[in-house]
């Protein structure tokens, strides 16, 4: 099981990857959405804002009103960010849950 710090680092790594590709991501994701990531086995959550293809304001705690919600175990979250777990296969097999509107899912798919 990954630790809380490892999960936080994974999300910060994801934010850094998106920031490094911000210009390209901005073309793919022209929307502004709140997001939350719930880590089931550690009973923790993180939330932030997806703006212009970048994650900003990433902080501890849940946002029940988030428009995009990812639920995963700590190990699956770390594996997803490190590219060791395919998002589509993890989602279809039920290892992760993504709660978002259909149009948001289609836009997010461009990044994955």
PDB file of N, CA and C in Angstrom:
ATOM      1  N   UNK A   1       0.840  -1.168   0.000  1.00  0.00           N
ATOM      2  CA  UNK A   1       0.000   0.000   0.000  1.00  0.00           C
ATOM      3  C   UNK A   1       0.892   1.241   0.000  1.00  0.00           C
ATOM      4  N   UNK A   2       0.583   2.155  -0.903  1.00  0.00           N
ATOM      5  CA  UNK A   2       1.314   3.421  -0.964  1.00  0.00           C
ATOM      6  C   UNK A   2       0.903   4.301   0.215  1.00  0.00           C
ATOM      7  N   UNK A   3       1.771   5.216   0.580  1.00  0.00           N
ATOM      8  CA  UNK A   3       1.490   6.117   1.697  1.00  0.00           C
ATOM      9  C   UNK A   3       0.756   7.365   1.217  1.00  0.00           C
ATOM     10  N   UNK A   4       0.279   8.135   2.171  1.00  0.00           N
ATOM     11  CA  UNK A   4      -0.372   9.408   1.853  1.00  0.00           C
ATOM     12  C   UNK A   4       0.601  10.314   1.098  1.00  0.00           C
ATOM     13  N   UNK A   5       1.840  10.372   1.558  1.00  0.00           N
ATOM     14  CA  UNK A   5       2.841  11.219   0.893  1.00  0.00           C
ATOM     15  C   UNK A   5       3.116  10.748  -0.533  1.00  0.00           C
ATOM     16  N   UNK A   6       3.149   9.436  -0.758  1.00  0.00           N
ATOM     17  CA  UNK A   6       3.365   8.915  -2.109  1.00  0.00           C
ATOM     18  C   UNK A   6       2.194   9.282  -3.030  1.00  0.00           C
ATOM     19  N   UNK A   7       0.978   9.256  -2.498  1.00  0.00           N
ATOM     20  CA  UNK A   7      -0.194   9.657  -3.286  1.00  0.00           C
ATOM     21  C   UNK A   7      -0.138  11.144  -3.605  1.00  0.00           C
ATOM     22  N   UNK A   8       0.211  11.948  -2.610  1.00  0.00           N
ATOM     23  CA  UNK A   8       0.335  13.392  -2.821  1.00  0.00           C
ATOM     24  C   UNK A   8       1.405  13.686  -3.876  1.00  0.00           C
ATOM     25  N   UNK A   9       2.545  12.993  -3.765  1.00  0.00           N
ATOM     26  CA  UNK A   9       3.631  13.167  -4.737  1.00  0.00           C
ATOM     27  C   UNK A   9       3.195  12.746  -6.139  1.00  0.00           C
ATOM     28  N   UNK A  10       2.404  11.667  -6.237  1.00  0.00           N
ATOM     29  CA  UNK A  10       1.919  11.217  -7.545  1.00  0.00           C
ATOM     30  C   UNK A  10       1.034  12.278  -8.181  1.00  0.00           C
ATOM     31  N   UNK A  11       0.154  12.880  -7.401  1.00  0.00           N
ATOM     32  CA  UNK A  11      -0.717  13.926  -7.947  1.00  0.00           C
ATOM     33  C   UNK A  11       0.085  15.173  -8.317  1.00  0.00           C
ATOM     34  N   UNK A  12       1.092  15.492  -7.528  1.00  0.00           N
ATOM     35  CA  UNK A  12       1.946  16.633  -7.874  1.00  0.00           C
ATOM     36  C   UNK A  12       2.751  16.337  -9.134  1.00  0.00           C
ATOM     37  N   UNK A  13       3.149  15.083  -9.310  1.00  0.00           N
ATOM     38  CA  UNK A  13       3.859  14.675 -10.520  1.00  0.00           C
ATOM     39  C   UNK A  13       2.941  14.817 -11.733  1.00  0.00           C
ATOM     40  N   UNK A  14       1.692  14.417 -11.580  1.00  0.00           N
ATOM     41  CA  UNK A  14       0.717  14.569 -12.663  1.00  0.00           C
ATOM     42  C   UNK A  14       0.519  16.045 -12.990  1.00  0.00           C
ATOM     43  N   UNK A  15       0.402  16.871 -11.960  1.00  0.00           N
ATOM     44  CA  UNK A  15       0.248  18.313 -12.183  1.00  0.00           C
ATOM     45  C   UNK A  15       1.459  18.891 -12.905  1.00  0.00           C
ATOM     46  N   UNK A  16       2.651  18.436 -12.542  1.00  0.00           N
ATOM     47  CA  UNK A  16       3.870  18.924 -13.197  1.00  0.00           C
ATOM     48  C   UNK A  16       3.921  18.491 -14.659  1.00  0.00           C
ATOM     49  N   UNK A  17       3.503  17.249 -14.950  1.00  0.00           N
ATOM     50  CA  UNK A  17       3.460  16.775 -16.335  1.00  0.00           C
ATOM     51  C   UNK A  17       2.513  17.625 -17.166  1.00  0.00           C
ATOM     52  N   UNK A  18       1.355  17.919 -16.615  1.00  0.00           N
ATOM     53  CA  UNK A  18       0.390  18.741 -17.341  1.00  0.00           C
ATOM     54  C   UNK A  18       0.917  20.153 -17.526  1.00  0.00           C
ATOM     55  N   UNK A  19       1.575  20.701 -16.513  1.00  0.00           N
ATOM     56  CA  UNK A  19       2.124  22.051 -16.621  1.00  0.00           C
ATOM     57  C   UNK A  19       3.207  22.113 -17.689  1.00  0.00           C
ATOM     58  N   UNK A  20       4.010  21.064 -17.801  1.00  0.00           N
ATOM     59  CA  UNK A  20       5.080  21.037 -18.798  1.00  0.00           C
ATOM     60  C   UNK A  20       4.512  21.006 -20.212  1.00  0.00           C
ATOM     61  N   UNK A  21       3.326  20.458 -20.363  1.00  0.00           N
ATOM     62  CA  UNK A  21       2.677  20.365 -21.670  1.00  0.00           C
ATOM     63  C   UNK A  21       1.462  21.282 -21.749  1.00  0.00           C
ATOM     64  N   UNK A  22       1.492  22.375 -21.025  1.00  0.00           N
ATOM     65  CA  UNK A  22       0.322  23.241 -20.896  1.00  0.00           C
ATOM     66  C   UNK A  22      -0.187  23.766 -22.231  1.00  0.00           C
ATOM     67  N   UNK A  23       0.688  24.179 -23.118  1.00  0.00           N
ATOM     68  CA  UNK A  23       0.237  24.732 -24.395  1.00  0.00           C
ATOM     69  C   UNK A  23      -0.527  23.690 -25.198  1.00  0.00           C
ATOM     70  N   UNK A  24       0.026  22.494 -25.282  1.00  0.00           N
ATOM     71  CA  UNK A  24      -0.645  21.418 -26.017  1.00  0.00           C
ATOM     72  C   UNK A  24      -1.933  21.007 -25.308  1.00  0.00           C
ATOM     73  N   UNK A  25      -1.879  20.897 -23.989  1.00  0.00           N
ATOM     74  CA  UNK A  25      -3.052  20.485 -23.221  1.00  0.00           C
ATOM     75  C   UNK A  25      -4.159  21.518 -23.324  1.00  0.00           C
ATOM     76  N   UNK A  26      -3.800  22.792 -23.358  1.00  0.00           N
ATOM     77  CA  UNK A  26      -4.789  23.857 -23.448  1.00  0.00           C
ATOM     78  C   UNK A  26      -5.626  23.708 -24.714  1.00  0.00           C
ATOM     79  N   UNK A  27      -4.991  23.266 -25.796  1.00  0.00           N
ATOM     80  CA  UNK A  27      -5.720  23.059 -27.041  1.00  0.00           C
ATOM     81  C   UNK A  27      -6.681  21.883 -26.919  1.00  0.00           C
ATOM     82  N   UNK A  28      -6.317  20.890 -26.132  1.00  0.00           N
ATOM     83  CA  UNK A  28      -7.149  19.705 -25.973  1.00  0.00           C
ATOM     84  C   UNK A  28      -8.245  19.903 -24.934  1.00  0.00           C
ATOM     85  N   UNK A  29      -7.934  20.666 -23.897  1.00  0.00           N
ATOM     86  CA  UNK A  29      -8.872  20.846 -22.790  1.00  0.00           C
ATOM     87  C   UNK A  29      -9.161  22.322 -22.583  1.00  0.00           C
ATOM     88  N   UNK A  30     -10.200  22.782 -23.199  1.00  0.00           N
ATOM     89  CA  UNK A  30     -10.555  24.189 -23.087  1.00  0.00           C
ATOM     90  C   UNK A  30     -11.688  24.385 -22.078  1.00  0.00           C
ATOM     91  N   UNK A  31     -11.551  23.748 -20.930  1.00  0.00           N
ATOM     92  CA  UNK A  31     -12.584  23.879 -19.921  1.00  0.00           C
ATOM     93  C   UNK A  31     -11.973  23.993 -18.535  1.00  0.00           C
ATOM     94  N   UNK A  32     -12.780  24.432 -17.610  1.00  0.00           N
ATOM     95  CA  UNK A  32     -12.372  24.692 -16.238  1.00  0.00           C
ATOM     96  C   UNK A  32     -13.275  23.851 -15.337  1.00  0.00           C
ATOM     97  N   UNK A  33     -12.686  22.905 -14.630  1.00  0.00           N
ATOM     98  CA  UNK A  33     -13.473  22.007 -13.780  1.00  0.00           C
ATOM     99  C   UNK A  33     -12.777  21.777 -12.444  1.00  0.00           C
ATOM    100  N   UNK A  34     -13.598  21.670 -11.413  1.00  0.00           N
ATOM    101  CA  UNK A  34     -13.079  21.248 -10.113  1.00  0.00           C
ATOM    102  C   UNK A  34     -12.876  19.741 -10.168  1.00  0.00           C
ATOM    103  N   UNK A  35     -11.860  19.275  -9.451  1.00  0.00           N
ATOM    104  CA  UNK A  35     -11.618  17.839  -9.446  1.00  0.00           C
ATOM    105  C   UNK A  35     -11.266  17.368  -8.048  1.00  0.00           C
ATOM    106  N   UNK A  36     -11.585  16.095  -7.816  1.00  0.00           N
ATOM    107  CA  UNK A  36     -11.283  15.466  -6.537  1.00  0.00           C
ATOM    108  C   UNK A  36     -10.734  14.073  -6.807  1.00  0.00           C
ATOM    109  N   UNK A  37      -9.815  13.658  -5.964  1.00  0.00           N
ATOM    110  CA  UNK A  37      -9.239  12.321  -6.048  1.00  0.00           C
ATOM    111  C   UNK A  37      -9.392  11.683  -4.676  1.00  0.00           C
ATOM    112  N   UNK A  38     -10.137  10.595  -4.637  1.00  0.00           N
ATOM    113  CA  UNK A  38     -10.368   9.884  -3.387  1.00  0.00           C
ATOM    114  C   UNK A  38      -9.544   8.602  -3.386  1.00  0.00           C
ATOM    115  N   UNK A  39      -8.789   8.404  -2.322  1.00  0.00           N
ATOM    116  CA  UNK A  39      -7.932   7.223  -2.186  1.00  0.00           C
ATOM    117  C   UNK A  39      -8.591   6.319  -1.150  1.00  0.00           C
ATOM    118  N   UNK A  40      -9.173   5.235  -1.652  1.00  0.00           N
ATOM    119  CA  UNK A  40     -10.050   4.411  -0.832  1.00  0.00           C
ATOM    120  C   UNK A  40      -9.357   3.698   0.326  1.00  0.00           C
ATOM    121  N   UNK A  41      -8.207   3.102   0.093  1.00  0.00           N
ATOM    122  CA  UNK A  41      -7.575   2.307   1.148  1.00  0.00           C
ATOM    123  C   UNK A  41      -6.923   3.153   2.235  1.00  0.00           C
ATOM    124  N   UNK A  42      -6.680   4.420   1.956  1.00  0.00           N
ATOM    125  CA  UNK A  42      -6.098   5.308   2.969  1.00  0.00           C
ATOM    126  C   UNK A  42      -7.141   6.242   3.573  1.00  0.00           C
ATOM    127  N   UNK A  43      -8.348   6.218   3.017  1.00  0.00           N
ATOM    128  CA  UNK A  43      -9.450   7.076   3.467  1.00  0.00           C
ATOM    129  C   UNK A  43      -9.042   8.553   3.485  1.00  0.00           C
ATOM    130  N   UNK A  44      -8.425   8.977   2.370  1.00  0.00           N
ATOM    131  CA  UNK A  44      -8.033  10.377   2.213  1.00  0.00           C
ATOM    132  C   UNK A  44      -8.518  10.869   0.855  1.00  0.00           C
ATOM    133  N   UNK A  45      -8.439  12.164   0.679  1.00  0.00           N
ATOM    134  CA  UNK A  45      -8.828  12.757  -0.602  1.00  0.00           C
ATOM    135  C   UNK A  45      -7.989  14.003  -0.849  1.00  0.00           C
ATOM    136  N   UNK A  46      -7.934  14.375  -2.103  1.00  0.00           N
ATOM    137  CA  UNK A  46      -7.257  15.588  -2.544  1.00  0.00           C
ATOM    138  C   UNK A  46      -8.197  16.289  -3.513  1.00  0.00           C
ATOM    139  N   UNK A  47      -8.057  17.590  -3.639  1.00  0.00           N
ATOM    140  CA  UNK A  47      -8.868  18.303  -4.615  1.00  0.00           C
ATOM    141  C   UNK A  47      -8.097  19.485  -5.178  1.00  0.00           C
ATOM    142  N   UNK A  48      -8.559  19.944  -6.314  1.00  0.00           N
ATOM    143  CA  UNK A  48      -7.931  21.071  -6.990  1.00  0.00           C
ATOM    144  C   UNK A  48      -8.804  21.534  -8.140  1.00  0.00           C
ATOM    145  N   UNK A  49      -8.188  22.246  -9.056  1.00  0.00           N
ATOM    146  CA  UNK A  49      -8.900  22.814 -10.202  1.00  0.00           C
ATOM    147  C   UNK A  49      -8.135  22.486 -11.474  1.00  0.00           C
ATOM    148  N   UNK A  50      -8.843  22.024 -12.489  1.00  0.00           N
ATOM    149  CA  UNK A  50      -8.260  21.783 -13.799  1.00  0.00           C
ATOM    150  C   UNK A  50      -8.603  22.982 -14.668  1.00  0.00           C
ATOM    151  N   UNK A  51      -7.570  23.746 -15.020  1.00  0.00           N
ATOM    152  CA  UNK A  51      -7.755  24.968 -15.801  1.00  0.00           C
ATOM    153  C   UNK A  51      -6.714  25.016 -16.895  1.00  0.00           C
ATOM    154  N   UNK A  52      -7.152  25.213 -18.125  1.00  0.00           N
ATOM    155  CA  UNK A  52      -6.219  25.354 -19.231  1.00  0.00           C
ATOM    156  C   UNK A  52      -5.248  24.195 -19.351  1.00  0.00           C
ATOM    157  N   UNK A  53      -5.721  22.989 -19.031  1.00  0.00           N
ATOM    158  CA  UNK A  53      -4.866  21.823 -19.128  1.00  0.00           C
ATOM    159  C   UNK A  53      -3.905  21.654 -17.975  1.00  0.00           C
ATOM    160  N   UNK A  54      -4.053  22.459 -16.919  1.00  0.00           N
ATOM    161  CA  UNK A  54      -3.175  22.359 -15.753  1.00  0.00           C
ATOM    162  C   UNK A  54      -3.991  22.150 -14.494  1.00  0.00           C
ATOM    163  N   UNK A  55      -3.395  21.470 -13.527  1.00  0.00           N
ATOM    164  CA  UNK A  55      -4.022  21.300 -12.220  1.00  0.00           C
ATOM    165  C   UNK A  55      -3.460  22.374 -11.297  1.00  0.00           C
ATOM    166  N   UNK A  56      -4.337  23.151 -10.713  1.00  0.00           N
ATOM    167  CA  UNK A  56      -3.890  24.194  -9.791  1.00  0.00           C
ATOM    168  C   UNK A  56      -4.595  24.020  -8.446  1.00  0.00           C
ATOM    169  N   UNK A  57      -4.000  24.583  -7.429  1.00  0.00           N
ATOM    170  CA  UNK A  57      -4.591  24.574  -6.097  1.00  0.00           C
ATOM    171  C   UNK A  57      -4.774  23.187  -5.509  1.00  0.00           C
ATOM    172  N   UNK A  58      -3.883  22.264  -5.838  1.00  0.00           N
ATOM    173  CA  UNK A  58      -3.984  20.900  -5.330  1.00  0.00           C
ATOM    174  C   UNK A  58      -3.729  20.898  -3.830  1.00  0.00           C
ATOM    175  N   UNK A  59      -4.701  20.393  -3.089  1.00  0.00           N
ATOM    176  CA  UNK A  59      -4.592  20.404  -1.640  1.00  0.00           C
ATOM    177  C   UNK A  59      -5.284  19.181  -1.048  1.00  0.00           C
ATOM    178  N   UNK A  60      -5.016  18.913   0.218  1.00  0.00           N
ATOM    179  CA  UNK A  60      -5.643  17.792   0.906  1.00  0.00           C
ATOM    180  C   UNK A  60      -7.116  18.094   1.164  1.00  0.00           C
ATOM    181  N   UNK A  61      -7.908  17.034   1.228  1.00  0.00           N
ATOM    182  CA  UNK A  61      -9.324  17.163   1.542  1.00  0.00           C
ATOM    183  C   UNK A  61     -10.192  16.885   0.330  1.00  0.00           C
ATOM    184  N   UNK A  62     -11.422  16.535   0.598  1.00  0.00           N
ATOM    185  CA  UNK A  62     -12.370  16.195  -0.454  1.00  0.00           C
ATOM    186  C   UNK A  62     -13.146  17.433  -0.892  1.00  0.00           C
ATOM    187  N   UNK A  63     -13.676  17.373  -2.089  1.00  0.00           N
ATOM    188  CA  UNK A  63     -14.603  18.396  -2.581  1.00  0.00           C
ATOM    189  C   UNK A  63     -15.806  17.643  -3.138  1.00  0.00           C
ATOM    190  N   UNK A  64     -16.841  17.456  -2.326  1.00  0.00           N
ATOM    191  CA  UNK A  64     -17.996  16.685  -2.775  1.00  0.00           C
ATOM    192  C   UNK A  64     -18.712  17.307  -3.971  1.00  0.00           C
ATOM    193  N   UNK A  65     -18.456  18.577  -4.247  1.00  0.00           N
ATOM    194  CA  UNK A  65     -19.086  19.248  -5.390  1.00  0.00           C
ATOM    195  C   UNK A  65     -18.218  19.207  -6.642  1.00  0.00           C
ATOM    196  N   UNK A  66     -17.086  18.515  -6.584  1.00  0.00           N
ATOM    197  CA  UNK A  66     -16.170  18.460  -7.731  1.00  0.00           C
ATOM    198  C   UNK A  66     -16.886  17.891  -8.951  1.00  0.00           C
ATOM    199  N   UNK A  67     -16.597  18.467 -10.099  1.00  0.00           N
ATOM    200  CA  UNK A  67     -17.219  18.032 -11.354  1.00  0.00           C
ATOM    201  C   UNK A  67     -16.561  16.768 -11.900  1.00  0.00           C
ATOM    202  N   UNK A  68     -15.298  16.552 -11.556  1.00  0.00           N
ATOM    203  CA  UNK A  68     -14.573  15.351 -11.985  1.00  0.00           C
ATOM    204  C   UNK A  68     -14.038  14.679 -10.726  1.00  0.00           C
ATOM    205  N   UNK A  69     -14.393  13.398 -10.554  1.00  0.00           N
ATOM    206  CA  UNK A  69     -13.977  12.661  -9.362  1.00  0.00           C
ATOM    207  C   UNK A  69     -13.302  11.358  -9.770  1.00  0.00           C
ATOM    208  N   UNK A  70     -12.134  11.139  -9.230  1.00  0.00           N
ATOM    209  CA  UNK A  70     -11.395   9.895  -9.443  1.00  0.00           C
ATOM    210  C   UNK A  70     -11.325   9.173  -8.108  1.00  0.00           C
ATOM    211  N   UNK A  71     -11.685   7.912  -8.119  1.00  0.00           N
ATOM    212  CA  UNK A  71     -11.598   7.079  -6.921  1.00  0.00           C
ATOM    213  C   UNK A  71     -10.722   5.886  -7.251  1.00  0.00           C
ATOM    214  N   UNK A  72      -9.688   5.680  -6.432  1.00  0.00           N
ATOM    215  CA  UNK A  72      -8.742   4.593  -6.679  1.00  0.00           C
ATOM    216  C   UNK A  72      -8.053   4.206  -5.380  1.00  0.00           C
ATOM    217  N   UNK A  73      -7.439   3.035  -5.388  1.00  0.00           N
ATOM    218  CA  UNK A  73      -6.596   2.656  -4.259  1.00  0.00           C
ATOM    219  C   UNK A  73      -5.280   3.424  -4.379  1.00  0.00           C
ATOM    220  N   UNK A  74      -4.533   3.466  -3.318  1.00  0.00           N
ATOM    221  CA  UNK A  74      -3.267   4.207  -3.323  1.00  0.00           C
ATOM    222  C   UNK A  74      -2.290   3.625  -4.346  1.00  0.00           C
ATOM    223  N   UNK A  75      -2.180   2.310  -4.385  1.00  0.00           N
ATOM    224  CA  UNK A  75      -1.264   1.684  -5.336  1.00  0.00           C
ATOM    225  C   UNK A  75      -1.686   1.934  -6.781  1.00  0.00           C
ATOM    226  N   UNK A  76      -2.986   1.879  -7.048  1.00  0.00           N
ATOM    227  CA  UNK A  76      -3.466   2.122  -8.408  1.00  0.00           C
ATOM    228  C   UNK A  76      -3.254   3.574  -8.818  1.00  0.00           C
ATOM    229  N   UNK A  77      -3.431   4.506  -7.902  1.00  0.00           N
ATOM    230  CA  UNK A  77      -3.192   5.918  -8.209  1.00  0.00           C
ATOM    231  C   UNK A  77      -1.736   6.143  -8.597  1.00  0.00           C
ATOM    232  N   UNK A  78      -0.828   5.622  -7.805  1.00  0.00           N
ATOM    233  CA  UNK A  78       0.606   5.777  -8.087  1.00  0.00           C
ATOM    234  C   UNK A  78       0.956   5.106  -9.416  1.00  0.00           C
ATOM    235  N   UNK A  79       0.428   3.912  -9.648  1.00  0.00           N
ATOM    236  CA  UNK A  79       0.698   3.190 -10.897  1.00  0.00           C
ATOM    237  C   UNK A  79       0.145   3.941 -12.107  1.00  0.00           C
ATOM    238  N   UNK A  80      -1.033   4.546 -11.978  1.00  0.00           N
ATOM    239  CA  UNK A  80      -1.613   5.329 -13.077  1.00  0.00           C
ATOM    240  C   UNK A  80      -0.712   6.491 -13.457  1.00  0.00           C
ATOM    241  N   UNK A  81      -0.300   7.242 -12.468  1.00  0.00           N
ATOM    242  CA  UNK A  81       0.524   8.428 -12.726  1.00  0.00           C
ATOM    243  C   UNK A  81       1.885   8.029 -13.287  1.00  0.00           C
ATOM    244  N   UNK A  82       2.427   6.911 -12.834  1.00  0.00           N
ATOM    245  CA  UNK A  82       3.739   6.458 -13.313  1.00  0.00           C
ATOM    246  C   UNK A  82       3.664   5.742 -14.655  1.00  0.00           C
ATOM    247  N   UNK A  83       2.463   5.607 -15.211  1.00  0.00           N
ATOM    248  CA  UNK A  83       2.300   4.956 -16.505  1.00  0.00           C
ATOM    249  C   UNK A  83       2.384   3.437 -16.451  1.00  0.00           C
ATOM    250  N   UNK A  84       2.264   2.879 -15.263  1.00  0.00           N
ATOM    251  CA  UNK A  84       2.351   1.430 -15.092  1.00  0.00           C
ATOM    252  C   UNK A  84       0.986   0.754 -15.166  1.00  0.00           C
ATOM    253  N   UNK A  85      -0.089   1.548 -15.180  1.00  0.00           N
ATOM    254  CA  UNK A  85      -1.454   1.032 -15.233  1.00  0.00           C
ATOM    255  C   UNK A  85      -2.217   1.821 -16.279  1.00  0.00           C
ATOM    256  N   UNK A  86      -2.793   1.112 -17.233  1.00  0.00           N
ATOM    257  CA  UNK A  86      -3.557   1.745 -18.300  1.00  0.00           C
ATOM    258  C   UNK A  86      -4.893   2.244 -17.754  1.00  0.00           C
ATOM    259  N   UNK A  87      -5.196   3.506 -18.005  1.00  0.00           N
ATOM    260  CA  UNK A  87      -6.405   4.124 -17.481  1.00  0.00           C
ATOM    261  C   UNK A  87      -7.664   3.404 -17.966  1.00  0.00           C
ATOM    262  N   UNK A  88      -7.728   3.144 -19.264  1.00  0.00           N
ATOM    263  CA  UNK A  88      -8.934   2.525 -19.808  1.00  0.00           C
ATOM    264  C   UNK A  88      -9.156   1.116 -19.255  1.00  0.00           C
ATOM    265  N   UNK A  89      -8.113   0.325 -19.184  1.00  0.00           N
ATOM    266  CA  UNK A  89      -8.293  -1.036 -18.661  1.00  0.00           C
ATOM    267  C   UNK A  89      -8.610  -1.002 -17.166  1.00  0.00           C
ATOM    268  N   UNK A  90      -8.009  -0.078 -16.429  1.00  0.00           N
ATOM    269  CA  UNK A  90      -8.300   0.045 -14.997  1.00  0.00           C
ATOM    270  C   UNK A  90      -9.738   0.489 -14.777  1.00  0.00           C
ATOM    271  N   UNK A  91     -10.217   1.384 -15.621  1.00  0.00           N
ATOM    272  CA  UNK A  91     -11.585   1.891 -15.496  1.00  0.00           C
ATOM    273  C   UNK A  91     -12.599   0.811 -15.873  1.00  0.00           C
ATOM    274  N   UNK A  92     -12.367   0.130 -16.993  1.00  0.00           N
ATOM    275  CA  UNK A  92     -13.321  -0.885 -17.430  1.00  0.00           C
ATOM    276  C   UNK A  92     -13.339  -2.102 -16.512  1.00  0.00           C
ATOM    277  N   UNK A  93     -12.221  -2.386 -15.851  1.00  0.00           N
ATOM    278  CA  UNK A  93     -12.176  -3.523 -14.930  1.00  0.00           C
ATOM    279  C   UNK A  93     -12.672  -3.153 -13.533  1.00  0.00           C
ATOM    280  N   UNK A  94     -12.932  -1.871 -13.292  1.00  0.00           N
ATOM    281  CA  UNK A  94     -13.437  -1.439 -11.994  1.00  0.00           C
ATOM    282  C   UNK A  94     -12.368  -1.136 -10.963  1.00  0.00           C
ATOM    283  N   UNK A  95     -11.113  -1.144 -11.363  1.00  0.00           N
ATOM    284  CA  UNK A  95     -10.038  -0.829 -10.410  1.00  0.00           C
ATOM    285  C   UNK A  95     -10.059   0.638 -10.023  1.00  0.00           C
ATOM    286  N   UNK A  96     -10.478   1.494 -10.947  1.00  0.00           N
ATOM    287  CA  UNK A  96     -10.646   2.916 -10.646  1.00  0.00           C
ATOM    288  C   UNK A  96     -12.049   3.322 -11.062  1.00  0.00           C
ATOM    289  N   UNK A  97     -12.523   4.392 -10.475  1.00  0.00           N
ATOM    290  CA  UNK A  97     -13.825   4.939 -10.830  1.00  0.00           C
ATOM    291  C   UNK A  97     -13.615   6.398 -11.214  1.00  0.00           C
ATOM    292  N   UNK A  98     -14.189   6.781 -12.338  1.00  0.00           N
ATOM    293  CA  UNK A  98     -14.138   8.172 -12.765  1.00  0.00           C
ATOM    294  C   UNK A  98     -15.574   8.652 -12.886  1.00  0.00           C
ATOM    295  N   UNK A  99     -15.911   9.635 -12.102  1.00  0.00           N
ATOM    296  CA  UNK A  99     -17.256  10.199 -12.109  1.00  0.00           C
ATOM    297  C   UNK A  99     -17.171  11.592 -12.735  1.00  0.00           C
ATOM    298  N   UNK A 100     -17.688  11.694 -13.951  1.00  0.00           N
ATOM    299  CA  UNK A 100     -17.662  12.964 -14.677  1.00  0.00           C
ATOM    300  C   UNK A 100     -18.734  12.921 -15.750  1.00  0.00           C
ATOM    301  N   UNK A 101     -19.077  14.072 -16.255  1.00  0.00           N
ATOM    302  CA  UNK A 101     -20.031  14.136 -17.343  1.00  0.00           C
ATOM    303  C   UNK A 101     -19.448  13.525 -18.609  1.00  0.00           C
ATOM    304  N   UNK A 102     -20.312  13.115 -19.503  1.00  0.00           N
ATOM    305  CA  UNK A 102     -19.883  12.460 -20.736  1.00  0.00           C
ATOM    306  C   UNK A 102     -18.938  13.352 -21.536  1.00  0.00           C
ATOM    307  N   UNK A 103     -19.265  14.618 -21.690  1.00  0.00           N
ATOM    308  CA  UNK A 103     -18.412  15.510 -22.472  1.00  0.00           C
ATOM    309  C   UNK A 103     -17.062  15.731 -21.783  1.00  0.00           C
ATOM    310  N   UNK A 104     -17.068  15.795 -20.458  1.00  0.00           N
ATOM    311  CA  UNK A 104     -15.802  15.921 -19.727  1.00  0.00           C
ATOM    312  C   UNK A 104     -14.942  14.670 -19.921  1.00  0.00           C
ATOM    313  N   UNK A 105     -15.562  13.502 -19.885  1.00  0.00           N
ATOM    314  CA  UNK A 105     -14.816  12.257 -20.111  1.00  0.00           C
ATOM    315  C   UNK A 105     -14.185  12.237 -21.504  1.00  0.00           C
ATOM    316  N   UNK A 106     -14.927  12.708 -22.494  1.00  0.00           N
ATOM    317  CA  UNK A 106     -14.388  12.733 -23.848  1.00  0.00           C
ATOM    318  C   UNK A 106     -13.204  13.683 -23.946  1.00  0.00           C
ATOM    319  N   UNK A 107     -13.284  14.820 -23.278  1.00  0.00           N
ATOM    320  CA  UNK A 107     -12.171  15.774 -23.299  1.00  0.00           C
ATOM    321  C   UNK A 107     -10.967  15.226 -22.521  1.00  0.00           C
ATOM    322  N   UNK A 108     -11.235  14.618 -21.369  1.00  0.00           N
ATOM    323  CA  UNK A 108     -10.135  14.053 -20.563  1.00  0.00           C
ATOM    324  C   UNK A 108      -9.432  12.924 -21.299  1.00  0.00           C
ATOM    325  N   UNK A 109     -10.191  12.182 -22.066  1.00  0.00           N
ATOM    326  CA  UNK A 109      -9.605  11.061 -22.812  1.00  0.00           C
ATOM    327  C   UNK A 109      -8.483  11.513 -23.736  1.00  0.00           C
ATOM    328  N   UNK A 110      -8.559  12.738 -24.213  1.00  0.00           N
ATOM    329  CA  UNK A 110      -7.523  13.275 -25.092  1.00  0.00           C
ATOM    330  C   UNK A 110      -6.183  13.385 -24.377  1.00  0.00           C
ATOM    331  N   UNK A 111      -6.228  13.569 -23.069  1.00  0.00           N
ATOM    332  CA  UNK A 111      -4.995  13.670 -22.286  1.00  0.00           C
ATOM    333  C   UNK A 111      -4.440  12.313 -21.883  1.00  0.00           C
ATOM    334  N   UNK A 112      -5.292  11.333 -21.809  1.00  0.00           N
ATOM    335  CA  UNK A 112      -4.888  10.026 -21.283  1.00  0.00           C
ATOM    336  C   UNK A 112      -4.316   9.208 -22.340  1.00  0.00           C
TER     337      UNK A 112
END
